[in-house]
Amino acid sequence: MKRVEIKNIDAKSIFKVTIYVMIIPMVILMILGLIMLSLSNEDPALKIVGIIYLVGMPVFTVVIYGPLSMLTAWIYNKLSSKFGGLEILLSDDQENLEK
């Protein structure tokens, strides 16, 4: 078993991971927006909400969650240098096979 400490997280890589993780919710929001737009023949309020879900929510997700995750990584980097980082215990496959 090997103990590894994570001392630094790259802000650009955490932004990419956040975007990858948020792809599925963004697609769901876009599908909901399309459904609302297709049902909005009589109701103009439903058309506005559909456009917001189709365009606004995915953009909002990227604009808000991306910088928030980068800020979180920056705070983690500052605190991990002062208090220590996250420790992970790694094991080799050979050790698992011997047991």
PDB file of N, CA and C in Angstrom:
ATOM      1  N   MET A   1       0.840  -1.173   0.000  1.00  0.00           N
ATOM      2  CA  MET A   1       0.000   0.000   0.000  1.00  0.00           C
ATOM      3  C   MET A   1       0.889   1.240   0.000  1.00  0.00           C
ATOM      4  N   LYS A   2       0.464   2.205  -0.757  1.00  0.00           N
ATOM      5  CA  LYS A   2       1.239   3.436  -0.873  1.00  0.00           C
ATOM      6  C   LYS A   2       0.330   4.610  -0.543  1.00  0.00           C
ATOM      7  N   ARG A   3       0.810   5.495   0.318  1.00  0.00           N
ATOM      8  CA  ARG A   3       0.051   6.669   0.720  1.00  0.00           C
ATOM      9  C   ARG A   3       0.524   7.861  -0.118  1.00  0.00           C
ATOM     10  N   VAL A   4      -0.426   8.531  -0.799  1.00  0.00           N
ATOM     11  CA  VAL A   4      -0.118   9.664  -1.665  1.00  0.00           C
ATOM     12  C   VAL A   4      -0.902  10.873  -1.167  1.00  0.00           C
ATOM     13  N   GLU A   5      -0.237  12.029  -1.164  1.00  0.00           N
ATOM     14  CA  GLU A   5      -0.896  13.261  -0.726  1.00  0.00           C
ATOM     15  C   GLU A   5      -1.054  14.197  -1.920  1.00  0.00           C
ATOM     16  N   ILE A   6      -2.269  14.680  -2.124  1.00  0.00           N
ATOM     17  CA  ILE A   6      -2.546  15.628  -3.202  1.00  0.00           C
ATOM     18  C   ILE A   6      -2.323  17.027  -2.641  1.00  0.00           C
ATOM     19  N   LYS A   7      -1.300  17.702  -3.151  1.00  0.00           N
ATOM     20  CA  LYS A   7      -0.940  19.032  -2.652  1.00  0.00           C
ATOM     21  C   LYS A   7      -1.463  20.155  -3.538  1.00  0.00           C
ATOM     22  N   ASN A   8      -1.664  19.880  -4.833  1.00  0.00           N
ATOM     23  CA  ASN A   8      -2.024  20.939  -5.770  1.00  0.00           C
ATOM     24  C   ASN A   8      -3.003  20.397  -6.808  1.00  0.00           C
ATOM     25  N   ILE A   9      -4.003  21.186  -7.129  1.00  0.00           N
ATOM     26  CA  ILE A   9      -4.969  20.854  -8.182  1.00  0.00           C
ATOM     27  C   ILE A   9      -4.914  21.981  -9.205  1.00  0.00           C
ATOM     28  N   ASP A  10      -4.692  21.630 -10.457  1.00  0.00           N
ATOM     29  CA  ASP A  10      -4.620  22.633 -11.517  1.00  0.00           C
ATOM     30  C   ASP A  10      -6.017  23.197 -11.790  1.00  0.00           C
ATOM     31  N   ALA A  11      -6.138  24.512 -11.799  1.00  0.00           N
ATOM     32  CA  ALA A  11      -7.443  25.161 -11.974  1.00  0.00           C
ATOM     33  C   ALA A  11      -8.022  24.876 -13.356  1.00  0.00           C
ATOM     34  N   LYS A  12      -7.162  24.808 -14.373  1.00  0.00           N
ATOM     35  CA  LYS A  12      -7.657  24.548 -15.720  1.00  0.00           C
ATOM     36  C   LYS A  12      -8.204  23.126 -15.846  1.00  0.00           C
ATOM     37  N   SER A  13      -7.545  22.176 -15.215  1.00  0.00           N
ATOM     38  CA  SER A  13      -8.026  20.794 -15.302  1.00  0.00           C
ATOM     39  C   SER A  13      -9.314  20.605 -14.509  1.00  0.00           C
ATOM     40  N   ILE A  14      -9.453  21.298 -13.375  1.00  0.00           N
ATOM     41  CA  ILE A  14     -10.696  21.184 -12.612  1.00  0.00           C
ATOM     42  C   ILE A  14     -11.854  21.834 -13.365  1.00  0.00           C
ATOM     43  N   PHE A  15     -11.569  22.887 -14.131  1.00  0.00           N
ATOM     44  CA  PHE A  15     -12.600  23.498 -14.977  1.00  0.00           C
ATOM     45  C   PHE A  15     -13.063  22.507 -16.038  1.00  0.00           C
ATOM     46  N   LYS A  16     -12.113  21.809 -16.667  1.00  0.00           N
ATOM     47  CA  LYS A  16     -12.481  20.817 -17.685  1.00  0.00           C
ATOM     48  C   LYS A  16     -13.297  19.678 -17.086  1.00  0.00           C
ATOM     49  N   VAL A  17     -12.909  19.212 -15.908  1.00  0.00           N
ATOM     50  CA  VAL A  17     -13.663  18.139 -15.255  1.00  0.00           C
ATOM     51  C   VAL A  17     -15.073  18.602 -14.924  1.00  0.00           C
ATOM     52  N   THR A  18     -15.216  19.832 -14.465  1.00  0.00           N
ATOM     53  CA  THR A  18     -16.541  20.373 -14.158  1.00  0.00           C
ATOM     54  C   THR A  18     -17.410  20.421 -15.403  1.00  0.00           C
ATOM     55  N   ILE A  19     -16.830  20.850 -16.522  1.00  0.00           N
ATOM     56  CA  ILE A  19     -17.596  20.891 -17.770  1.00  0.00           C
ATOM     57  C   ILE A  19     -18.002  19.483 -18.189  1.00  0.00           C
ATOM     58  N   TYR A  20     -17.080  18.518 -18.077  1.00  0.00           N
ATOM     59  CA  TYR A  20     -17.417  17.135 -18.445  1.00  0.00           C
ATOM     60  C   TYR A  20     -18.531  16.582 -17.572  1.00  0.00           C
ATOM     61  N   VAL A  21     -18.486  16.883 -16.285  1.00  0.00           N
ATOM     62  CA  VAL A  21     -19.509  16.376 -15.367  1.00  0.00           C
ATOM     63  C   VAL A  21     -20.852  17.059 -15.619  1.00  0.00           C
ATOM     64  N   MET A  22     -20.830  18.328 -16.029  1.00  0.00           N
ATOM     65  CA  MET A  22     -22.068  19.077 -16.225  1.00  0.00           C
ATOM     66  C   MET A  22     -22.686  18.874 -17.607  1.00  0.00           C
ATOM     67  N   ILE A  23     -22.061  18.087 -18.469  1.00  0.00           N
ATOM     68  CA  ILE A  23     -22.623  17.869 -19.808  1.00  0.00           C
ATOM     69  C   ILE A  23     -23.985  17.190 -19.722  1.00  0.00           C
ATOM     70  N   ILE A  24     -24.116  16.169 -18.892  1.00  0.00           N
ATOM     71  CA  ILE A  24     -25.390  15.436 -18.809  1.00  0.00           C
ATOM     72  C   ILE A  24     -26.518  16.335 -18.284  1.00  0.00           C
ATOM     73  N   PRO A  25     -26.331  17.084 -17.176  1.00  0.00           N
ATOM     74  CA  PRO A  25     -27.419  17.986 -16.763  1.00  0.00           C
ATOM     75  C   PRO A  25     -27.733  19.061 -17.807  1.00  0.00           C
ATOM     76  N   MET A  26     -26.704  19.550 -18.529  1.00  0.00           N
ATOM     77  CA  MET A  26     -26.968  20.560 -19.561  1.00  0.00           C
ATOM     78  C   MET A  26     -27.805  19.977 -20.692  1.00  0.00           C
ATOM     79  N   VAL A  27     -27.512  18.739 -21.086  1.00  0.00           N
ATOM     80  CA  VAL A  27     -28.298  18.101 -22.149  1.00  0.00           C
ATOM     81  C   VAL A  27     -29.733  17.881 -21.682  1.00  0.00           C
ATOM     82  N   ILE A  28     -29.915  17.481 -20.432  1.00  0.00           N
ATOM     83  CA  ILE A  28     -31.274  17.289 -19.897  1.00  0.00           C
ATOM     84  C   ILE A  28     -32.034  18.613 -19.901  1.00  0.00           C
ATOM     85  N   LEU A  29     -31.372  19.695 -19.500  1.00  0.00           N
ATOM     86  CA  LEU A  29     -32.023  21.002 -19.513  1.00  0.00           C
ATOM     87  C   LEU A  29     -32.383  21.427 -20.934  1.00  0.00           C
ATOM     88  N   MET A  30     -31.510  21.143 -21.880  1.00  0.00           N
ATOM     89  CA  MET A  30     -31.804  21.500 -23.271  1.00  0.00           C
ATOM     90  C   MET A  30     -32.978  20.691 -23.819  1.00  0.00           C
ATOM     91  N   ILE A  31     -33.051  19.417 -23.450  1.00  0.00           N
ATOM     92  CA  ILE A  31     -34.186  18.587 -23.890  1.00  0.00           C
ATOM     93  C   ILE A  31     -35.483  19.102 -23.273  1.00  0.00           C
ATOM     94  N   LEU A  32     -35.445  19.470 -21.995  1.00  0.00           N
ATOM     95  CA  LEU A  32     -36.631  20.055 -21.360  1.00  0.00           C
ATOM     96  C   LEU A  32     -37.040  21.356 -22.049  1.00  0.00           C
ATOM     97  N   GLY A  33     -36.055  22.159 -22.436  1.00  0.00           N
ATOM     98  CA  GLY A  33     -36.347  23.390 -23.164  1.00  0.00           C
ATOM     99  C   GLY A  33     -37.005  23.126 -24.495  1.00  0.00           C
ATOM    100  N   LEU A  34     -36.516  22.108 -25.209  1.00  0.00           N
ATOM    101  CA  LEU A  34     -37.144  21.749 -26.492  1.00  0.00           C
ATOM    102  C   LEU A  34     -38.571  21.262 -26.298  1.00  0.00           C
ATOM    103  N   ILE A  35     -38.800  20.475 -25.255  1.00  0.00           N
ATOM    104  CA  ILE A  35     -40.162  19.990 -24.971  1.00  0.00           C
ATOM    105  C   ILE A  35     -41.082  21.163 -24.661  1.00  0.00           C
ATOM    106  N   MET A  36     -40.595  22.102 -23.847  1.00  0.00           N
ATOM    107  CA  MET A  36     -41.418  23.266 -23.514  1.00  0.00           C
ATOM    108  C   MET A  36     -41.696  24.120 -24.744  1.00  0.00           C
ATOM    109  N   LEU A  37     -40.705  24.276 -25.618  1.00  0.00           N
ATOM    110  CA  LEU A  37     -40.929  25.045 -26.840  1.00  0.00           C
ATOM    111  C   LEU A  37     -41.931  24.359 -27.762  1.00  0.00           C
ATOM    112  N   SER A  38     -41.907  23.043 -27.805  1.00  0.00           N
ATOM    113  CA  SER A  38     -42.858  22.340 -28.670  1.00  0.00           C
ATOM    114  C   SER A  38     -44.278  22.389 -28.112  1.00  0.00           C
ATOM    115  N   LEU A  39     -44.426  22.554 -26.797  1.00  0.00           N
ATOM    116  CA  LEU A  39     -45.747  22.617 -26.173  1.00  0.00           C
ATOM    117  C   LEU A  39     -46.258  24.046 -26.005  1.00  0.00           C
ATOM    118  N   SER A  40     -45.495  25.022 -26.453  1.00  0.00           N
ATOM    119  CA  SER A  40     -45.817  26.418 -26.140  1.00  0.00           C
ATOM    120  C   SER A  40     -46.623  27.124 -27.231  1.00  0.00           C
ATOM    121  N   ASN A  41     -47.475  26.419 -27.925  1.00  0.00           N
ATOM    122  CA  ASN A  41     -48.258  27.045 -28.991  1.00  0.00           C
ATOM    123  C   ASN A  41     -49.218  28.104 -28.453  1.00  0.00           C
ATOM    124  N   GLU A  42     -49.884  27.823 -27.341  1.00  0.00           N
ATOM    125  CA  GLU A  42     -50.854  28.769 -26.811  1.00  0.00           C
ATOM    126  C   GLU A  42     -50.298  29.635 -25.688  1.00  0.00           C
ATOM    127  N   ASP A  43     -49.303  29.167 -24.988  1.00  0.00           N
ATOM    128  CA  ASP A  43     -48.830  29.852 -23.793  1.00  0.00           C
ATOM    129  C   ASP A  43     -47.476  30.520 -24.053  1.00  0.00           C
ATOM    130  N   PRO A  44     -47.435  31.856 -24.120  1.00  0.00           N
ATOM    131  CA  PRO A  44     -46.148  32.526 -24.368  1.00  0.00           C
ATOM    132  C   PRO A  44     -45.180  32.419 -23.185  1.00  0.00           C
ATOM    133  N   ALA A  45     -45.719  32.246 -21.971  1.00  0.00           N
ATOM    134  CA  ALA A  45     -44.831  32.103 -20.810  1.00  0.00           C
ATOM    135  C   ALA A  45     -44.031  30.801 -20.899  1.00  0.00           C
ATOM    136  N   LEU A  46     -44.661  29.759 -21.416  1.00  0.00           N
ATOM    137  CA  LEU A  46     -43.976  28.482 -21.587  1.00  0.00           C
ATOM    138  C   LEU A  46     -42.869  28.594 -22.636  1.00  0.00           C
ATOM    139  N   LYS A  47     -43.088  29.425 -23.646  1.00  0.00           N
ATOM    140  CA  LYS A  47     -42.063  29.648 -24.670  1.00  0.00           C
ATOM    141  C   LYS A  47     -40.844  30.358 -24.069  1.00  0.00           C
ATOM    142  N   ILE A  48     -41.090  31.328 -23.188  1.00  0.00           N
ATOM    143  CA  ILE A  48     -39.979  32.050 -22.539  1.00  0.00           C
ATOM    144  C   ILE A  48     -39.182  31.101 -21.649  1.00  0.00           C
ATOM    145  N   VAL A  49     -39.891  30.294 -20.866  1.00  0.00           N
ATOM    146  CA  VAL A  49     -39.212  29.333 -19.996  1.00  0.00           C
ATOM    147  C   VAL A  49     -38.459  28.301 -20.831  1.00  0.00           C
ATOM    148  N   GLY A  50     -39.030  27.884 -21.949  1.00  0.00           N
ATOM    149  CA  GLY A  50     -38.353  26.931 -22.830  1.00  0.00           C
ATOM    150  C   GLY A  50     -37.064  27.495 -23.403  1.00  0.00           C
ATOM    151  N   ILE A  51     -37.086  28.770 -23.797  1.00  0.00           N
ATOM    152  CA  ILE A  51     -35.868  29.404 -24.326  1.00  0.00           C
ATOM    153  C   ILE A  51     -34.817  29.533 -23.229  1.00  0.00           C
ATOM    154  N   ILE A  52     -35.266  29.859 -22.020  1.00  0.00           N
ATOM    155  CA  ILE A  52     -34.321  29.956 -20.895  1.00  0.00           C
ATOM    156  C   ILE A  52     -33.678  28.598 -20.629  1.00  0.00           C
ATOM    157  N   TYR A  53     -34.474  27.531 -20.642  1.00  0.00           N
ATOM    158  CA  TYR A  53     -33.924  26.196 -20.405  1.00  0.00           C
ATOM    159  C   TYR A  53     -33.050  25.742 -21.567  1.00  0.00           C
ATOM    160  N   LEU A  54     -33.406  26.125 -22.769  1.00  0.00           N
ATOM    161  CA  LEU A  54     -32.651  25.677 -23.939  1.00  0.00           C
ATOM    162  C   LEU A  54     -31.313  26.385 -24.058  1.00  0.00           C
ATOM    163  N   VAL A  55     -31.276  27.681 -23.799  1.00  0.00           N
ATOM    164  CA  VAL A  55     -30.059  28.463 -24.008  1.00  0.00           C
ATOM    165  C   VAL A  55     -29.467  28.965 -22.690  1.00  0.00           C
ATOM    166  N   GLY A  56     -30.302  29.533 -21.847  1.00  0.00           N
ATOM    167  CA  GLY A  56     -29.810  30.220 -20.657  1.00  0.00           C
ATOM    168  C   GLY A  56     -29.212  29.319 -19.597  1.00  0.00           C
ATOM    169  N   MET A  57     -29.883  28.222 -19.288  1.00  0.00           N
ATOM    170  CA  MET A  57     -29.409  27.368 -18.205  1.00  0.00           C
ATOM    171  C   MET A  57     -28.064  26.697 -18.514  1.00  0.00           C
ATOM    172  N   PRO A  58     -27.833  26.164 -19.714  1.00  0.00           N
ATOM    173  CA  PRO A  58     -26.493  25.616 -19.985  1.00  0.00           C
ATOM    174  C   PRO A  58     -25.393  26.673 -19.914  1.00  0.00           C
ATOM    175  N   VAL A  59     -25.659  27.865 -20.415  1.00  0.00           N
ATOM    176  CA  VAL A  59     -24.664  28.939 -20.333  1.00  0.00           C
ATOM    177  C   VAL A  59     -24.445  29.329 -18.873  1.00  0.00           C
ATOM    178  N   PHE A  60     -25.530  29.443 -18.120  1.00  0.00           N
ATOM    179  CA  PHE A  60     -25.443  29.760 -16.698  1.00  0.00           C
ATOM    180  C   PHE A  60     -24.627  28.705 -15.961  1.00  0.00           C
ATOM    181  N   THR A  61     -24.841  27.434 -16.309  1.00  0.00           N
ATOM    182  CA  THR A  61     -24.113  26.341 -15.676  1.00  0.00           C
ATOM    183  C   THR A  61     -22.618  26.468 -15.908  1.00  0.00           C
ATOM    184  N   VAL A  62     -22.212  26.757 -17.137  1.00  0.00           N
ATOM    185  CA  VAL A  62     -20.788  26.888 -17.451  1.00  0.00           C
ATOM    186  C   VAL A  62     -20.213  28.136 -16.796  1.00  0.00           C
ATOM    187  N   VAL A  63     -20.941  29.231 -16.849  1.00  0.00           N
ATOM    188  CA  VAL A  63     -20.435  30.509 -16.335  1.00  0.00           C
ATOM    189  C   VAL A  63     -20.348  30.511 -14.811  1.00  0.00           C
ATOM    190  N   ILE A  64     -21.243  29.818 -14.129  1.00  0.00           N
ATOM    191  CA  ILE A  64     -21.234  29.815 -12.666  1.00  0.00           C
ATOM    192  C   ILE A  64     -20.388  28.666 -12.109  1.00  0.00           C
ATOM    193  N   TYR A  65     -20.656  27.424 -12.535  1.00  0.00           N
ATOM    194  CA  TYR A  65     -19.967  26.280 -11.946  1.00  0.00           C
ATOM    195  C   TYR A  65     -18.497  26.194 -12.346  1.00  0.00           C
ATOM    196  N   GLY A  66     -18.144  26.642 -13.533  1.00  0.00           N
ATOM    197  CA  GLY A  66     -16.741  26.619 -13.943  1.00  0.00           C
ATOM    198  C   GLY A  66     -15.862  27.474 -13.050  1.00  0.00           C
ATOM    199  N   PRO A  67     -16.148  28.783 -12.936  1.00  0.00           N
ATOM    200  CA  PRO A  67     -15.332  29.613 -12.035  1.00  0.00           C
ATOM    201  C   PRO A  67     -15.433  29.210 -10.562  1.00  0.00           C
ATOM    202  N   LEU A  68     -16.601  28.706 -10.131  1.00  0.00           N
ATOM    203  CA  LEU A  68     -16.715  28.249  -8.746  1.00  0.00           C
ATOM    204  C   LEU A  68     -15.787  27.072  -8.473  1.00  0.00           C
ATOM    205  N   SER A  69     -15.692  26.144  -9.418  1.00  0.00           N
ATOM    206  CA  SER A  69     -14.790  25.015  -9.220  1.00  0.00           C
ATOM    207  C   SER A  69     -13.339  25.471  -9.250  1.00  0.00           C
ATOM    208  N   MET A  70     -13.021  26.457 -10.100  1.00  0.00           N
ATOM    209  CA  MET A  70     -11.659  26.988 -10.126  1.00  0.00           C
ATOM    210  C   MET A  70     -11.329  27.700  -8.818  1.00  0.00           C
ATOM    211  N   LEU A  71     -12.286  28.437  -8.267  1.00  0.00           N
ATOM    212  CA  LEU A  71     -12.088  29.093  -6.985  1.00  0.00           C
ATOM    213  C   LEU A  71     -11.885  28.065  -5.879  1.00  0.00           C
ATOM    214  N   THR A  72     -12.652  26.994  -5.918  1.00  0.00           N
ATOM    215  CA  THR A  72     -12.506  25.929  -4.927  1.00  0.00           C
ATOM    216  C   THR A  72     -11.124  25.292  -5.015  1.00  0.00           C
ATOM    217  N   ALA A  73     -10.635  25.055  -6.246  1.00  0.00           N
ATOM    218  CA  ALA A  73      -9.287  24.497  -6.414  1.00  0.00           C
ATOM    219  C   ALA A  73      -8.236  25.459  -5.893  1.00  0.00           C
ATOM    220  N   TRP A  74      -8.404  26.745  -6.129  1.00  0.00           N
ATOM    221  CA  TRP A  74      -7.448  27.740  -5.652  1.00  0.00           C
ATOM    222  C   TRP A  74      -7.411  27.762  -4.118  1.00  0.00           C
ATOM    223  N   ILE A  75      -8.602  27.723  -3.496  1.00  0.00           N
ATOM    224  CA  ILE A  75      -8.671  27.704  -2.034  1.00  0.00           C
ATOM    225  C   ILE A  75      -8.034  26.425  -1.487  1.00  0.00           C
ATOM    226  N   TYR A  76      -8.315  25.292  -2.144  1.00  0.00           N
ATOM    227  CA  TYR A  76      -7.717  24.024  -1.724  1.00  0.00           C
ATOM    228  C   TYR A  76      -6.194  24.099  -1.795  1.00  0.00           C
ATOM    229  N   ASN A  77      -5.659  24.658  -2.887  1.00  0.00           N
ATOM    230  CA  ASN A  77      -4.210  24.770  -3.039  1.00  0.00           C
ATOM    231  C   ASN A  77      -3.602  25.623  -1.929  1.00  0.00           C
ATOM    232  N   LYS A  78      -4.251  26.722  -1.584  1.00  0.00           N
ATOM    233  CA  LYS A  78      -3.740  27.581  -0.516  1.00  0.00           C
ATOM    234  C   LYS A  78      -3.781  26.873   0.842  1.00  0.00           C
ATOM    235  N   LEU A  79      -4.880  26.175   1.118  1.00  0.00           N
ATOM    236  CA  LEU A  79      -5.018  25.509   2.409  1.00  0.00           C
ATOM    237  C   LEU A  79      -4.176  24.243   2.496  1.00  0.00           C
ATOM    238  N   SER A  80      -3.998  23.530   1.384  1.00  0.00           N
ATOM    239  CA  SER A  80      -3.218  22.286   1.435  1.00  0.00           C
ATOM    240  C   SER A  80      -1.743  22.564   1.673  1.00  0.00           C
ATOM    241  N   SER A  81      -1.249  23.700   1.220  1.00  0.00           N
ATOM    242  CA  SER A  81       0.148  24.019   1.500  1.00  0.00           C
ATOM    243  C   SER A  81       0.347  24.388   2.971  1.00  0.00           C
ATOM    244  N   LYS A  82      -0.702  24.856   3.602  1.00  0.00           N
ATOM    245  CA  LYS A  82      -0.602  25.257   5.008  1.00  0.00           C
ATOM    246  C   LYS A  82      -0.917  24.102   5.964  1.00  0.00           C
ATOM    247  N   PHE A  83      -1.981  23.341   5.668  1.00  0.00           N
ATOM    248  CA  PHE A  83      -2.448  22.302   6.583  1.00  0.00           C
ATOM    249  C   PHE A  83      -2.203  20.882   6.090  1.00  0.00           C
ATOM    250  N   GLY A  84      -1.784  20.711   4.864  1.00  0.00           N
ATOM    251  CA  GLY A  84      -1.610  19.374   4.297  1.00  0.00           C
ATOM    252  C   GLY A  84      -2.763  19.045   3.364  1.00  0.00           C
ATOM    253  N   GLY A  85      -2.462  18.234   2.384  1.00  0.00           N
ATOM    254  CA  GLY A  85      -3.462  17.917   1.363  1.00  0.00           C
ATOM    255  C   GLY A  85      -4.236  16.649   1.667  1.00  0.00           C
ATOM    256  N   LEU A  86      -5.068  16.289   0.728  1.00  0.00           N
ATOM    257  CA  LEU A  86      -5.870  15.079   0.806  1.00  0.00           C
ATOM    258  C   LEU A  86      -4.966  13.869   0.639  1.00  0.00           C
ATOM    259  N   GLU A  87      -5.088  12.879   1.521  1.00  0.00           N
ATOM    260  CA  GLU A  87      -4.268  11.676   1.437  1.00  0.00           C
ATOM    261  C   GLU A  87      -5.088  10.538   0.863  1.00  0.00           C
ATOM    262  N   ILE A  88      -4.493   9.847  -0.096  1.00  0.00           N
ATOM    263  CA  ILE A  88      -5.135   8.720  -0.757  1.00  0.00           C
ATOM    264  C   ILE A  88      -4.250   7.502  -0.570  1.00  0.00           C
ATOM    265  N   LEU A  89      -4.848   6.362  -0.296  1.00  0.00           N
ATOM    266  CA  LEU A  89      -4.117   5.124  -0.119  1.00  0.00           C
ATOM    267  C   LEU A  89      -4.248   4.306  -1.401  1.00  0.00           C
ATOM    268  N   LEU A  90      -3.123   4.043  -2.066  1.00  0.00           N
ATOM    269  CA  LEU A  90      -3.107   3.300  -3.321  1.00  0.00           C
ATOM    270  C   LEU A  90      -2.553   1.902  -3.086  1.00  0.00           C
ATOM    271  N   SER A  91      -3.069   0.937  -3.839  1.00  0.00           N
ATOM    272  CA  SER A  91      -2.524  -0.414  -3.752  1.00  0.00           C
ATOM    273  C   SER A  91      -2.258  -0.928  -5.154  1.00  0.00           C
ATOM    274  N   ASP A  92      -1.287  -1.808  -5.273  1.00  0.00           N
ATOM    275  CA  ASP A  92      -0.973  -2.429  -6.552  1.00  0.00           C
ATOM    276  C   ASP A  92      -1.909  -3.607  -6.784  1.00  0.00           C
ATOM    277  N   ASP A  93      -2.100  -3.959  -8.052  1.00  0.00           N
ATOM    278  CA  ASP A  93      -2.923  -5.126  -8.367  1.00  0.00           C
ATOM    279  C   ASP A  93      -2.267  -6.396  -7.876  1.00  0.00           C
ATOM    280  N   GLN A  94      -0.943  -6.442  -7.848  1.00  0.00           N
ATOM    281  CA  GLN A  94      -0.229  -7.625  -7.389  1.00  0.00           C
ATOM    282  C   GLN A  94      -0.548  -7.913  -5.918  1.00  0.00           C
ATOM    283  N   GLU A  95      -0.684  -6.879  -5.106  1.00  0.00           N
ATOM    284  CA  GLU A  95      -1.019  -7.074  -3.699  1.00  0.00           C
ATOM    285  C   GLU A  95      -2.404  -7.686  -3.545  1.00  0.00           C
ATOM    286  N   ASN A  96      -3.343  -7.286  -4.393  1.00  0.00           N
ATOM    287  CA  ASN A  96      -4.689  -7.847  -4.340  1.00  0.00           C
ATOM    288  C   ASN A  96      -4.718  -9.291  -4.792  1.00  0.00           C
ATOM    289  N   LEU A  97      -3.876  -9.654  -5.751  1.00  0.00           N
ATOM    290  CA  LEU A  97      -3.833 -11.018  -6.262  1.00  0.00           C
ATOM    291  C   LEU A  97      -3.213 -11.971  -5.258  1.00  0.00           C
ATOM    292  N   GLU A  98      -2.267 -11.499  -4.446  1.00  0.00           N
ATOM    293  CA  GLU A  98      -1.596 -12.358  -3.469  1.00  0.00           C
ATOM    294  C   GLU A  98      -2.491 -12.715  -2.302  1.00  0.00           C
ATOM    295  N   LYS A  99      -3.500 -11.892  -2.012  1.00  0.00           N
ATOM    296  CA  LYS A  99      -4.377 -12.151  -0.852  1.00  0.00           C
ATOM    297  C   LYS A  99      -5.377 -13.191  -1.131  1.00  0.00           C
TER     298      LYS A  99
END
